[in-house]
Amino acid sequence: MQGPSAIINTKFCDGISDISDSYAGFIIDQYGVLHDSETVYDGVVECLKELQRRKKFVIIMSNSGKRAEQNSARLEKMGISRDLYNEIITSGEVTWQGLNAQSSGYFENIGKKCIVISRGQDRSIVEGLGVEVVDQPRDADFLIIAGADSPEKTLSDYEPILRDCARYKLKAICANPDSLGVMGGRNIMGPGTLAARYKDFGGVVEYIGKPHQPIFQYCIRIMQEHDIYPGQTVMIGDTMAHDILGGFMVNIDTCLVKTGIHHKTFMNKENPADIDHALDLLVRQYNNVRPKYLVDRLIWGKALPDRKHKKRIA
């Protein structure tokens, strides 16, 4: 990781227009950058339109435990149409592809029976795979952690099933490593918290999404098919732990937005010195890995008032 001598200053930007000419490829996080899981942030649609107008290659990348098509349909419903980006890649999609092949790495011969922990009992992550979802860990070959019914359920609600799975030594796949999620204006428990607790109980976990390299390498391969390489790409995200660290580990420049997970860190800070101090505190928490850029939110030009689109998910 970067040491103190390697730290460079972060450029404060009014919008993505400040950096657009420097990159051909844009990898953009979904939750906390495009929307708060309920409403699209102001300026997002206009920004995506400008990137497409300039022929930029845009990948929306998410730690969602749902497959790519489900996320695309959700974005469409929220007002982000499919012509505003080129690809959408989710950790759920990468997981599905791995389970489908079962030919390499952690997925190799993992089995055909599993326990699924997900939001709203969603089972799409194994649909079409010939994998049977079972209720009892004693009948399972592996565990998938794809979502959490937070805030309705807490960590303690999941501990009995996690303990039982660990007792049967089930290999676990965490298809969404986020420890925290964004819902409305608040942070909620993410599946990564369940995976960490599973490890506390002695379980073995493979993480598929950000900041781990498999999902970034998946994106890089797609970019390279269009003659775009890491040095021509920027990662835009709202979390130091997943977006900024993940981009750093694959040598991609990064841009942190103040919306999302770290919004309280920058709340009521308008003076550049105060913003810089808040950013420094974050950087020290994450091995001195510093984003190259900082922007209020995903907008094209100068910051808009702090409001959101009214359109909500039906």
C-alpha atoms as a PDB file:
ATOM      1  CA  MET A   1       0.000   0.000   0.000  1.00  0.00           C
ATOM      2  CA  GLN A   2       1.008   3.602  -0.302  1.00  0.00           C
ATOM      3  CA  GLY A   3       3.190   4.991   2.463  1.00  0.00           C
ATOM      4  CA  PRO A   4       3.232   8.601   3.655  1.00  0.00           C
ATOM      5  CA  SER A   5       5.971   9.525   1.184  1.00  0.00           C
ATOM      6  CA  ALA A   6       3.777   8.342  -1.708  1.00  0.00           C
ATOM      7  CA  ILE A   7       0.750  10.462  -0.802  1.00  0.00           C
ATOM      8  CA  ILE A   8      -0.306  12.928  -3.479  1.00  0.00           C
ATOM      9  CA  ASN A   9      -2.847  15.682  -3.229  1.00  0.00           C
ATOM     10  CA  THR A  10      -6.413  14.929  -4.182  1.00  0.00           C
ATOM     11  CA  LYS A  11      -7.890  17.239  -6.812  1.00  0.00           C
ATOM     12  CA  PHE A  12     -11.227  18.753  -5.751  1.00  0.00           C
ATOM     13  CA  CYS A  13     -13.578  18.798  -8.760  1.00  0.00           C
ATOM     14  CA  ASP A  14     -16.791  20.674  -9.496  1.00  0.00           C
ATOM     15  CA  GLY A  15     -18.016  17.756 -11.589  1.00  0.00           C
ATOM     16  CA  ILE A  16     -17.030  14.906 -13.883  1.00  0.00           C
ATOM     17  CA  SER A  17     -16.419  17.375 -16.711  1.00  0.00           C
ATOM     18  CA  ASP A  18     -13.196  18.287 -14.883  1.00  0.00           C
ATOM     19  CA  ILE A  19     -11.749  14.819 -15.543  1.00  0.00           C
ATOM     20  CA  SER A  20     -13.641  13.490 -18.571  1.00  0.00           C
ATOM     21  CA  ASP A  21     -11.003  14.410 -21.141  1.00  0.00           C
ATOM     22  CA  SER A  22      -8.401  12.318 -19.295  1.00  0.00           C
ATOM     23  CA  TYR A  23     -10.200   8.971 -19.602  1.00  0.00           C
ATOM     24  CA  ALA A  24     -11.848   6.747 -22.192  1.00  0.00           C
ATOM     25  CA  GLY A  25     -13.327   4.313 -19.684  1.00  0.00           C
ATOM     26  CA  PHE A  26     -15.473   5.003 -16.620  1.00  0.00           C
ATOM     27  CA  ILE A  27     -16.317   2.366 -14.027  1.00  0.00           C
ATOM     28  CA  ILE A  28     -19.103   3.781 -11.868  1.00  0.00           C
ATOM     29  CA  ASP A  29     -20.406   2.330  -8.634  1.00  0.00           C
ATOM     30  CA  GLN A  30     -24.187   2.081  -8.355  1.00  0.00           C
ATOM     31  CA  TYR A  31     -25.487   2.445  -4.787  1.00  0.00           C
ATOM     32  CA  GLY A  32     -24.454   5.724  -3.185  1.00  0.00           C
ATOM     33  CA  VAL A  33     -23.267   7.190  -6.503  1.00  0.00           C
ATOM     34  CA  LEU A  34     -26.190   6.853  -8.926  1.00  0.00           C
ATOM     35  CA  HIS A  35     -28.914   6.535  -6.289  1.00  0.00           C
ATOM     36  CA  ASP A  36     -29.605   5.853  -2.618  1.00  0.00           C
ATOM     37  CA  SER A  37     -31.567   2.657  -3.414  1.00  0.00           C
ATOM     38  CA  GLU A  38     -34.802   4.679  -3.483  1.00  0.00           C
ATOM     39  CA  THR A  39     -34.193   7.763  -5.632  1.00  0.00           C
ATOM     40  CA  VAL A  40     -31.735   8.809  -8.317  1.00  0.00           C
ATOM     41  CA  TYR A  41     -29.446  11.653  -7.276  1.00  0.00           C
ATOM     42  CA  ASP A  42     -29.886  14.944  -9.080  1.00  0.00           C
ATOM     43  CA  GLY A  43     -27.535  15.414 -12.014  1.00  0.00           C
ATOM     44  CA  VAL A  44     -26.801  11.705 -12.539  1.00  0.00           C
ATOM     45  CA  VAL A  45     -28.841  11.235 -15.715  1.00  0.00           C
ATOM     46  CA  GLU A  46     -27.441  14.409 -17.259  1.00  0.00           C
ATOM     47  CA  CYS A  47     -23.893  13.324 -16.406  1.00  0.00           C
ATOM     48  CA  LEU A  48     -24.344   9.887 -17.968  1.00  0.00           C
ATOM     49  CA  LYS A  49     -25.812  11.494 -21.084  1.00  0.00           C
ATOM     50  CA  GLU A  50     -22.741  13.723 -21.417  1.00  0.00           C
ATOM     51  CA  LEU A  51     -20.391  10.756 -21.061  1.00  0.00           C
ATOM     52  CA  GLN A  52     -22.261   8.877 -23.788  1.00  0.00           C
ATOM     53  CA  ARG A  53     -22.280  11.960 -26.006  1.00  0.00           C
ATOM     54  CA  ARG A  54     -18.500  12.026 -25.714  1.00  0.00           C
ATOM     55  CA  LYS A  55     -18.282   8.310 -26.628  1.00  0.00           C
ATOM     56  CA  LYS A  56     -16.942   7.268 -23.234  1.00  0.00           C
ATOM     57  CA  PHE A  57     -17.230   3.576 -22.353  1.00  0.00           C
ATOM     58  CA  VAL A  58     -19.227   3.352 -19.130  1.00  0.00           C
ATOM     59  CA  ILE A  59     -19.468   0.269 -16.931  1.00  0.00           C
ATOM     60  CA  ILE A  60     -21.780   0.360 -13.950  1.00  0.00           C
ATOM     61  CA  MET A  61     -20.261  -1.944 -11.348  1.00  0.00           C
ATOM     62  CA  SER A  62     -22.079  -3.009  -8.219  1.00  0.00           C
ATOM     63  CA  ASN A  63     -21.649  -5.310  -5.252  1.00  0.00           C
ATOM     64  CA  SER A  64     -25.290  -6.244  -5.699  1.00  0.00           C
ATOM     65  CA  GLY A  65     -25.970  -9.916  -5.062  1.00  0.00           C
ATOM     66  CA  LYS A  66     -28.524  -9.808  -7.886  1.00  0.00           C
ATOM     67  CA  ARG A  67     -27.664 -10.536 -11.502  1.00  0.00           C
ATOM     68  CA  ALA A  68     -26.847  -7.851 -14.058  1.00  0.00           C
ATOM     69  CA  GLU A  69     -30.199  -7.954 -15.860  1.00  0.00           C
ATOM     70  CA  GLN A  70     -32.128  -7.480 -12.610  1.00  0.00           C
ATOM     71  CA  ASN A  71     -30.021  -4.433 -11.773  1.00  0.00           C
ATOM     72  CA  SER A  72     -30.475  -3.039 -15.269  1.00  0.00           C
ATOM     73  CA  ALA A  73     -34.255  -3.395 -15.009  1.00  0.00           C
ATOM     74  CA  ARG A  74     -34.196  -1.720 -11.592  1.00  0.00           C
ATOM     75  CA  LEU A  75     -32.190   1.215 -12.947  1.00  0.00           C
ATOM     76  CA  GLU A  76     -34.605   1.552 -15.864  1.00  0.00           C
ATOM     77  CA  LYS A  77     -37.482   1.731 -13.419  1.00  0.00           C
ATOM     78  CA  MET A  78     -35.702   4.448 -11.477  1.00  0.00           C
ATOM     79  CA  GLY A  79     -35.109   6.535 -14.584  1.00  0.00           C
ATOM     80  CA  ILE A  80     -31.616   5.439 -15.707  1.00  0.00           C
ATOM     81  CA  SER A  81     -32.215   3.968 -19.162  1.00  0.00           C
ATOM     82  CA  ARG A  82     -30.031   1.281 -20.728  1.00  0.00           C
ATOM     83  CA  ASP A  83     -28.650   3.635 -23.364  1.00  0.00           C
ATOM     84  CA  LEU A  84     -26.899   5.682 -20.666  1.00  0.00           C
ATOM     85  CA  TYR A  85     -24.190   3.057 -20.055  1.00  0.00           C
ATOM     86  CA  ASN A  86     -22.443   0.315 -22.001  1.00  0.00           C
ATOM     87  CA  GLU A  87     -22.276  -2.565 -19.510  1.00  0.00           C
ATOM     88  CA  ILE A  88     -23.457  -3.429 -16.034  1.00  0.00           C
ATOM     89  CA  ILE A  89     -21.451  -5.858 -13.917  1.00  0.00           C
ATOM     90  CA  THR A  90     -22.503  -7.129 -10.501  1.00  0.00           C
ATOM     91  CA  SER A  91     -20.891  -9.447  -8.009  1.00  0.00           C
ATOM     92  CA  GLY A  92     -24.076 -11.510  -8.272  1.00  0.00           C
ATOM     93  CA  GLU A  93     -23.499 -11.920 -12.011  1.00  0.00           C
ATOM     94  CA  VAL A  94     -19.847 -12.913 -11.531  1.00  0.00           C
ATOM     95  CA  THR A  95     -20.973 -15.395  -8.868  1.00  0.00           C
ATOM     96  CA  TRP A  96     -23.626 -16.885 -11.180  1.00  0.00           C
ATOM     97  CA  GLN A  97     -21.096 -17.312 -13.957  1.00  0.00           C
ATOM     98  CA  GLY A  98     -18.643 -18.999 -11.582  1.00  0.00           C
ATOM     99  CA  LEU A  99     -21.284 -21.388 -10.234  1.00  0.00           C
ATOM    100  CA  ASN A 100     -22.421 -22.158 -13.742  1.00  0.00           C
ATOM    101  CA  ALA A 101     -18.923 -23.211 -14.862  1.00  0.00           C
ATOM    102  CA  GLN A 102     -17.643 -24.681 -11.555  1.00  0.00           C
ATOM    103  CA  SER A 103     -14.357 -25.072 -13.354  1.00  0.00           C
ATOM    104  CA  SER A 104     -11.786 -22.961 -11.569  1.00  0.00           C
ATOM    105  CA  GLY A 105     -10.692 -21.482  -8.266  1.00  0.00           C
ATOM    106  CA  TYR A 106     -13.075 -21.469  -5.345  1.00  0.00           C
ATOM    107  CA  PHE A 107     -15.997 -22.485  -7.584  1.00  0.00           C
ATOM    108  CA  GLU A 108     -14.413 -25.703  -8.831  1.00  0.00           C
ATOM    109  CA  ASN A 109     -16.697 -28.665  -7.984  1.00  0.00           C
ATOM    110  CA  ILE A 110     -18.327 -26.653  -5.188  1.00  0.00           C
ATOM    111  CA  GLY A 111     -21.508 -28.724  -5.347  1.00  0.00           C
ATOM    112  CA  LYS A 112     -25.158 -28.627  -6.320  1.00  0.00           C
ATOM    113  CA  LYS A 113     -26.987 -27.963  -3.041  1.00  0.00           C
ATOM    114  CA  CYS A 114     -26.798 -24.716  -1.117  1.00  0.00           C
ATOM    115  CA  ILE A 115     -28.161 -22.453   1.573  1.00  0.00           C
ATOM    116  CA  VAL A 116     -28.969 -18.965   0.246  1.00  0.00           C
ATOM    117  CA  ILE A 117     -29.094 -15.905   2.490  1.00  0.00           C
ATOM    118  CA  SER A 118     -30.510 -13.004   0.491  1.00  0.00           C
ATOM    119  CA  ARG A 119     -32.784  -9.996   0.670  1.00  0.00           C
ATOM    120  CA  GLY A 120     -36.455 -10.932   0.477  1.00  0.00           C
ATOM    121  CA  GLN A 121     -35.611 -14.616  -0.063  1.00  0.00           C
ATOM    122  CA  ASP A 122     -34.439 -13.851  -3.590  1.00  0.00           C
ATOM    123  CA  ARG A 123     -33.091 -16.987  -5.318  1.00  0.00           C
ATOM    124  CA  SER A 124     -32.186 -15.541  -8.715  1.00  0.00           C
ATOM    125  CA  ILE A 125     -28.477 -15.973  -8.039  1.00  0.00           C
ATOM    126  CA  VAL A 126     -28.877 -19.743  -8.579  1.00  0.00           C
ATOM    127  CA  GLU A 127     -31.735 -19.785 -11.085  1.00  0.00           C
ATOM    128  CA  GLY A 128     -30.993 -21.786 -14.213  1.00  0.00           C
ATOM    129  CA  LEU A 129     -27.962 -23.476 -12.687  1.00  0.00           C
ATOM    130  CA  GLY A 130     -29.381 -26.823 -11.635  1.00  0.00           C
ATOM    131  CA  VAL A 131     -28.459 -25.889  -8.060  1.00  0.00           C
ATOM    132  CA  GLU A 132     -30.954 -26.872  -5.375  1.00  0.00           C
ATOM    133  CA  VAL A 133     -31.678 -24.472  -2.515  1.00  0.00           C
ATOM    134  CA  VAL A 134     -32.110 -26.394   0.747  1.00  0.00           C
ATOM    135  CA  ASP A 135     -33.264 -25.304   4.199  1.00  0.00           C
ATOM    136  CA  GLN A 136     -30.907 -27.276   6.416  1.00  0.00           C
ATOM    137  CA  PRO A 137     -27.112 -26.850   6.438  1.00  0.00           C
ATOM    138  CA  ARG A 138     -26.675 -30.595   6.931  1.00  0.00           C
ATOM    139  CA  ASP A 139     -28.134 -31.084   3.431  1.00  0.00           C
ATOM    140  CA  ALA A 140     -26.031 -28.382   1.741  1.00  0.00           C
ATOM    141  CA  ASP A 141     -22.698 -28.363  -0.085  1.00  0.00           C
ATOM    142  CA  PHE A 142     -22.084 -24.624   0.270  1.00  0.00           C
ATOM    143  CA  LEU A 143     -23.503 -21.302   1.472  1.00  0.00           C
ATOM    144  CA  ILE A 144     -24.258 -18.166  -0.565  1.00  0.00           C
ATOM    145  CA  ILE A 145     -24.503 -14.811   1.219  1.00  0.00           C
ATOM    146  CA  ALA A 146     -26.075 -12.468  -1.316  1.00  0.00           C
ATOM    147  CA  GLY A 147     -28.117 -10.001   0.742  1.00  0.00           C
ATOM    148  CA  ALA A 148     -29.587  -9.116   4.114  1.00  0.00           C
ATOM    149  CA  ASP A 149     -33.051  -8.046   5.226  1.00  0.00           C
ATOM    150  CA  SER A 150     -31.716  -4.959   6.947  1.00  0.00           C
ATOM    151  CA  PRO A 151     -32.892  -2.930   8.817  1.00  0.00           C
ATOM    152  CA  GLU A 152     -35.797  -5.285   9.587  1.00  0.00           C
ATOM    153  CA  LYS A 153     -33.320  -7.966  10.689  1.00  0.00           C
ATOM    154  CA  THR A 154     -30.142  -7.509  12.707  1.00  0.00           C
ATOM    155  CA  LEU A 155     -26.933  -9.507  12.857  1.00  0.00           C
ATOM    156  CA  SER A 156     -28.191 -11.525  15.822  1.00  0.00           C
ATOM    157  CA  ASP A 157     -31.136 -12.743  13.727  1.00  0.00           C
ATOM    158  CA  TYR A 158     -28.717 -14.406  11.313  1.00  0.00           C
ATOM    159  CA  GLU A 159     -26.326 -15.897  13.855  1.00  0.00           C
ATOM    160  CA  PRO A 160     -28.172 -19.247  14.338  1.00  0.00           C
ATOM    161  CA  ILE A 161     -28.035 -20.168  10.632  1.00  0.00           C
ATOM    162  CA  LEU A 162     -24.451 -18.923  10.326  1.00  0.00           C
ATOM    163  CA  ARG A 163     -23.363 -21.006  13.333  1.00  0.00           C
ATOM    164  CA  ASP A 164     -25.083 -24.070  11.908  1.00  0.00           C
ATOM    165  CA  CYS A 165     -23.464 -23.643   8.487  1.00  0.00           C
ATOM    166  CA  ALA A 166     -20.064 -23.244  10.116  1.00  0.00           C
ATOM    167  CA  ARG A 167     -20.650 -26.404  12.156  1.00  0.00           C
ATOM    168  CA  TYR A 168     -21.100 -28.327   8.906  1.00  0.00           C
ATOM    169  CA  LYS A 169     -18.016 -26.610   7.446  1.00  0.00           C
ATOM    170  CA  LEU A 170     -19.843 -25.217   4.432  1.00  0.00           C
ATOM    171  CA  LYS A 171     -17.713 -23.158   2.071  1.00  0.00           C
ATOM    172  CA  ALA A 172     -19.291 -19.713   1.728  1.00  0.00           C
ATOM    173  CA  ILE A 173     -19.486 -17.350  -1.215  1.00  0.00           C
ATOM    174  CA  CYS A 174     -20.182 -13.731  -0.343  1.00  0.00           C
ATOM    175  CA  ALA A 175     -21.758 -12.295  -3.477  1.00  0.00           C
ATOM    176  CA  ASN A 176     -21.953  -8.817  -1.940  1.00  0.00           C
ATOM    177  CA  PRO A 177     -19.005  -7.834   0.294  1.00  0.00           C
ATOM    178  CA  ASP A 178     -20.535  -4.503   1.389  1.00  0.00           C
ATOM    179  CA  SER A 179     -20.574  -4.276   5.176  1.00  0.00           C
ATOM    180  CA  LEU A 180     -22.822  -1.250   4.942  1.00  0.00           C
ATOM    181  CA  GLY A 181     -25.456  -0.303   2.411  1.00  0.00           C
ATOM    182  CA  VAL A 182     -27.335   2.907   1.629  1.00  0.00           C
ATOM    183  CA  MET A 183     -31.123   3.110   1.910  1.00  0.00           C
ATOM    184  CA  GLY A 184     -32.731   6.498   1.716  1.00  0.00           C
ATOM    185  CA  GLY A 185     -30.542   8.811   3.751  1.00  0.00           C
ATOM    186  CA  ARG A 186     -29.201   6.172   6.152  1.00  0.00           C
ATOM    187  CA  ASN A 187     -26.630   3.396   6.245  1.00  0.00           C
ATOM    188  CA  ILE A 188     -27.848  -0.163   6.822  1.00  0.00           C
ATOM    189  CA  MET A 189     -26.158  -3.498   7.491  1.00  0.00           C
ATOM    190  CA  GLY A 190     -24.803  -5.188   4.375  1.00  0.00           C
ATOM    191  CA  PRO A 191     -24.094  -8.855   3.575  1.00  0.00           C
ATOM    192  CA  GLY A 192     -20.378  -8.349   4.202  1.00  0.00           C
ATOM    193  CA  THR A 193     -21.205  -8.057   7.896  1.00  0.00           C
ATOM    194  CA  LEU A 194     -22.804 -11.520   7.790  1.00  0.00           C
ATOM    195  CA  ALA A 195     -19.768 -12.923   5.990  1.00  0.00           C
ATOM    196  CA  ALA A 196     -17.444 -11.469   8.622  1.00  0.00           C
ATOM    197  CA  ARG A 197     -19.546 -13.063  11.354  1.00  0.00           C
ATOM    198  CA  TYR A 198     -19.405 -16.386   9.527  1.00  0.00           C
ATOM    199  CA  LYS A 199     -15.615 -16.155   9.627  1.00  0.00           C
ATOM    200  CA  ASP A 200     -15.825 -15.436  13.367  1.00  0.00           C
ATOM    201  CA  PHE A 201     -17.601 -18.779  13.715  1.00  0.00           C
ATOM    202  CA  GLY A 202     -14.775 -20.520  11.839  1.00  0.00           C
ATOM    203  CA  GLY A 203     -16.292 -20.471   8.361  1.00  0.00           C
ATOM    204  CA  VAL A 204     -14.280 -19.988   5.179  1.00  0.00           C
ATOM    205  CA  VAL A 205     -15.511 -17.211   2.851  1.00  0.00           C
ATOM    206  CA  GLU A 206     -14.693 -16.258  -0.729  1.00  0.00           C
ATOM    207  CA  TYR A 207     -15.553 -12.628  -1.519  1.00  0.00           C
ATOM    208  CA  ILE A 208     -16.536 -11.930  -5.120  1.00  0.00           C
ATOM    209  CA  GLY A 209     -17.225  -8.185  -5.309  1.00  0.00           C
ATOM    210  CA  LYS A 210     -15.270  -5.004  -4.625  1.00  0.00           C
ATOM    211  CA  PRO A 211     -12.553  -4.449  -3.491  1.00  0.00           C
ATOM    212  CA  HIS A 212     -11.492  -7.972  -4.426  1.00  0.00           C
ATOM    213  CA  GLN A 213      -9.812  -8.386  -7.772  1.00  0.00           C
ATOM    214  CA  PRO A 214     -12.097 -10.882  -9.611  1.00  0.00           C
ATOM    215  CA  ILE A 215     -14.804  -8.304 -10.348  1.00  0.00           C
ATOM    216  CA  PHE A 216     -12.254  -5.640 -11.327  1.00  0.00           C
ATOM    217  CA  GLN A 217     -10.432  -8.065 -13.612  1.00  0.00           C
ATOM    218  CA  TYR A 218     -13.798  -8.913 -15.183  1.00  0.00           C
ATOM    219  CA  CYS A 219     -14.285  -5.204 -15.943  1.00  0.00           C
ATOM    220  CA  ILE A 220     -10.751  -4.803 -17.243  1.00  0.00           C
ATOM    221  CA  ARG A 221     -11.226  -7.684 -19.706  1.00  0.00           C
ATOM    222  CA  ILE A 222     -14.368  -6.018 -21.068  1.00  0.00           C
ATOM    223  CA  MET A 223     -12.583  -2.666 -21.378  1.00  0.00           C
ATOM    224  CA  GLN A 224      -9.666  -4.274 -23.200  1.00  0.00           C
ATOM    225  CA  GLU A 225     -12.066  -5.785 -25.731  1.00  0.00           C
ATOM    226  CA  HIS A 226     -12.762  -2.149 -26.650  1.00  0.00           C
ATOM    227  CA  ASP A 227      -9.059  -1.177 -26.618  1.00  0.00           C
ATOM    228  CA  ILE A 228      -9.355   0.639 -23.294  1.00  0.00           C
ATOM    229  CA  TYR A 229      -6.735  -0.137 -20.646  1.00  0.00           C
ATOM    230  CA  PRO A 230      -6.406   0.560 -16.887  1.00  0.00           C
ATOM    231  CA  GLY A 231      -4.340   3.695 -17.485  1.00  0.00           C
ATOM    232  CA  GLN A 232      -7.231   5.108 -19.527  1.00  0.00           C
ATOM    233  CA  THR A 233      -9.864   4.243 -16.913  1.00  0.00           C
ATOM    234  CA  VAL A 234     -11.197   5.879 -13.754  1.00  0.00           C
ATOM    235  CA  MET A 235     -13.211   4.263 -10.956  1.00  0.00           C
ATOM    236  CA  ILE A 236     -15.903   6.499  -9.434  1.00  0.00           C
ATOM    237  CA  GLY A 237     -17.325   5.368  -6.105  1.00  0.00           C
ATOM    238  CA  ASP A 238     -18.567   6.371  -2.675  1.00  0.00           C
ATOM    239  CA  THR A 239     -16.581   4.001  -0.458  1.00  0.00           C
ATOM    240  CA  MET A 240     -12.923   4.002   0.455  1.00  0.00           C
ATOM    241  CA  ALA A 241     -13.053   0.331   1.471  1.00  0.00           C
ATOM    242  CA  HIS A 242     -14.467  -0.996  -1.802  1.00  0.00           C
ATOM    243  CA  ASP A 243     -14.220   1.486  -4.659  1.00  0.00           C
ATOM    244  CA  ILE A 244     -11.059   3.416  -3.876  1.00  0.00           C
ATOM    245  CA  LEU A 245      -9.019   0.502  -2.496  1.00  0.00           C
ATOM    246  CA  GLY A 246     -10.267  -1.787  -5.247  1.00  0.00           C
ATOM    247  CA  GLY A 247      -9.294   0.632  -8.001  1.00  0.00           C
ATOM    248  CA  PHE A 248      -5.898   1.220  -6.385  1.00  0.00           C
ATOM    249  CA  MET A 249      -5.138  -2.515  -6.296  1.00  0.00           C
ATOM    250  CA  VAL A 250      -5.583  -2.827 -10.078  1.00  0.00           C
ATOM    251  CA  ASN A 251      -3.791   0.449 -10.890  1.00  0.00           C
ATOM    252  CA  ILE A 252      -6.902   2.381 -11.900  1.00  0.00           C
ATOM    253  CA  ASP A 253      -7.285   6.064 -10.965  1.00  0.00           C
ATOM    254  CA  THR A 254     -10.118   6.758  -8.537  1.00  0.00           C
ATOM    255  CA  CYS A 255     -12.665   9.466  -7.792  1.00  0.00           C
ATOM    256  CA  LEU A 256     -14.514   9.578  -4.468  1.00  0.00           C
ATOM    257  CA  VAL A 257     -17.992  11.109  -4.325  1.00  0.00           C
ATOM    258  CA  LYS A 258     -19.239  12.592  -1.059  1.00  0.00           C
ATOM    259  CA  THR A 259     -22.683  10.998  -1.372  1.00  0.00           C
ATOM    260  CA  GLY A 260     -23.226   7.497  -0.043  1.00  0.00           C
ATOM    261  CA  ILE A 261     -21.356   5.757   2.756  1.00  0.00           C
ATOM    262  CA  HIS A 262     -19.086   8.650   3.762  1.00  0.00           C
ATOM    263  CA  HIS A 263     -21.657  11.443   3.472  1.00  0.00           C
ATOM    264  CA  LYS A 264     -21.565  12.149   7.217  1.00  0.00           C
ATOM    265  CA  THR A 265     -17.795  12.621   7.064  1.00  0.00           C
ATOM    266  CA  PHE A 266     -18.217  15.591   4.739  1.00  0.00           C
ATOM    267  CA  MET A 267     -21.505  16.900   6.118  1.00  0.00           C
ATOM    268  CA  ASN A 268     -21.598  20.691   6.716  1.00  0.00           C
ATOM    269  CA  LYS A 269     -18.011  21.088   5.498  1.00  0.00           C
ATOM    270  CA  GLU A 270     -17.733  23.762   2.816  1.00  0.00           C
ATOM    271  CA  ASN A 271     -14.310  25.233   3.514  1.00  0.00           C
ATOM    272  CA  PRO A 272     -11.637  23.444   1.395  1.00  0.00           C
ATOM    273  CA  ALA A 273      -9.363  23.124   4.441  1.00  0.00           C
ATOM    274  CA  ASP A 274     -12.130  21.392   6.422  1.00  0.00           C
ATOM    275  CA  ILE A 275     -12.925  19.084   3.504  1.00  0.00           C
ATOM    276  CA  ASP A 276      -9.245  18.241   3.107  1.00  0.00           C
ATOM    277  CA  HIS A 277      -8.974  17.470   6.828  1.00  0.00           C
ATOM    278  CA  ALA A 278     -12.003  15.164   6.665  1.00  0.00           C
ATOM    279  CA  LEU A 279     -10.538  13.385   3.652  1.00  0.00           C
ATOM    280  CA  ASP A 280      -7.202  12.980   5.424  1.00  0.00           C
ATOM    281  CA  LEU A 281      -8.929  11.232   8.305  1.00  0.00           C
ATOM    282  CA  LEU A 282     -10.505   8.777   5.857  1.00  0.00           C
ATOM    283  CA  VAL A 283      -7.215   8.194   4.047  1.00  0.00           C
ATOM    284  CA  ARG A 284      -5.450   7.324   7.298  1.00  0.00           C
ATOM    285  CA  GLN A 285      -8.086   4.698   8.014  1.00  0.00           C
ATOM    286  CA  TYR A 286      -7.414   2.991   4.682  1.00  0.00           C
ATOM    287  CA  ASN A 287      -3.647   2.482   4.558  1.00  0.00           C
ATOM    288  CA  ASN A 288      -2.979   5.956   3.150  1.00  0.00           C
ATOM    289  CA  VAL A 289      -4.634   5.055  -0.149  1.00  0.00           C
ATOM    290  CA  ARG A 290      -5.888   8.368  -1.479  1.00  0.00           C
ATOM    291  CA  PRO A 291      -8.397   9.022  -4.275  1.00  0.00           C
ATOM    292  CA  LYS A 292      -7.004  11.054  -7.132  1.00  0.00           C
ATOM    293  CA  TYR A 293     -10.204  13.129  -7.287  1.00  0.00           C
ATOM    294  CA  LEU A 294     -12.982  14.221  -4.934  1.00  0.00           C
ATOM    295  CA  VAL A 295     -16.371  15.441  -6.155  1.00  0.00           C
ATOM    296  CA  ASP A 296     -19.594  16.334  -4.380  1.00  0.00           C
ATOM    297  CA  ARG A 297     -21.651  13.886  -6.434  1.00  0.00           C
ATOM    298  CA  LEU A 298     -21.922  12.385  -9.908  1.00  0.00           C
ATOM    299  CA  ILE A 299     -22.769  15.542 -11.811  1.00  0.00           C
ATOM    300  CA  TRP A 300     -21.348  16.951 -15.000  1.00  0.00           C
ATOM    301  CA  GLY A 301     -20.633  20.538 -14.002  1.00  0.00           C
ATOM    302  CA  LYS A 302     -20.857  22.733 -10.934  1.00  0.00           C
ATOM    303  CA  ALA A 303     -22.593  21.237  -7.896  1.00  0.00           C
ATOM    304  CA  LEU A 304     -26.383  21.294  -7.827  1.00  0.00           C
ATOM    305  CA  PRO A 305     -28.544  22.015  -4.776  1.00  0.00           C
ATOM    306  CA  ASP A 306     -28.845  19.124  -2.318  1.00  0.00           C
ATOM    307  CA  ARG A 307     -32.011  17.485  -3.617  1.00  0.00           C
ATOM    308  CA  LYS A 308     -33.002  14.318  -5.477  1.00  0.00           C
ATOM    309  CA  HIS A 309     -35.276  13.284  -8.300  1.00  0.00           C
ATOM    310  CA  LYS A 310     -38.800  12.643  -7.129  1.00  0.00           C
ATOM    311  CA  LYS A 311     -39.180   9.417  -9.081  1.00  0.00           C
ATOM    312  CA  ARG A 312     -39.279   6.417  -6.749  1.00  0.00           C
ATOM    313  CA  ILE A 313     -39.333   2.682  -7.239  1.00  0.00           C
ATOM    314  CA  ALA A 314     -42.850   1.348  -7.576  1.00  0.00           C
END
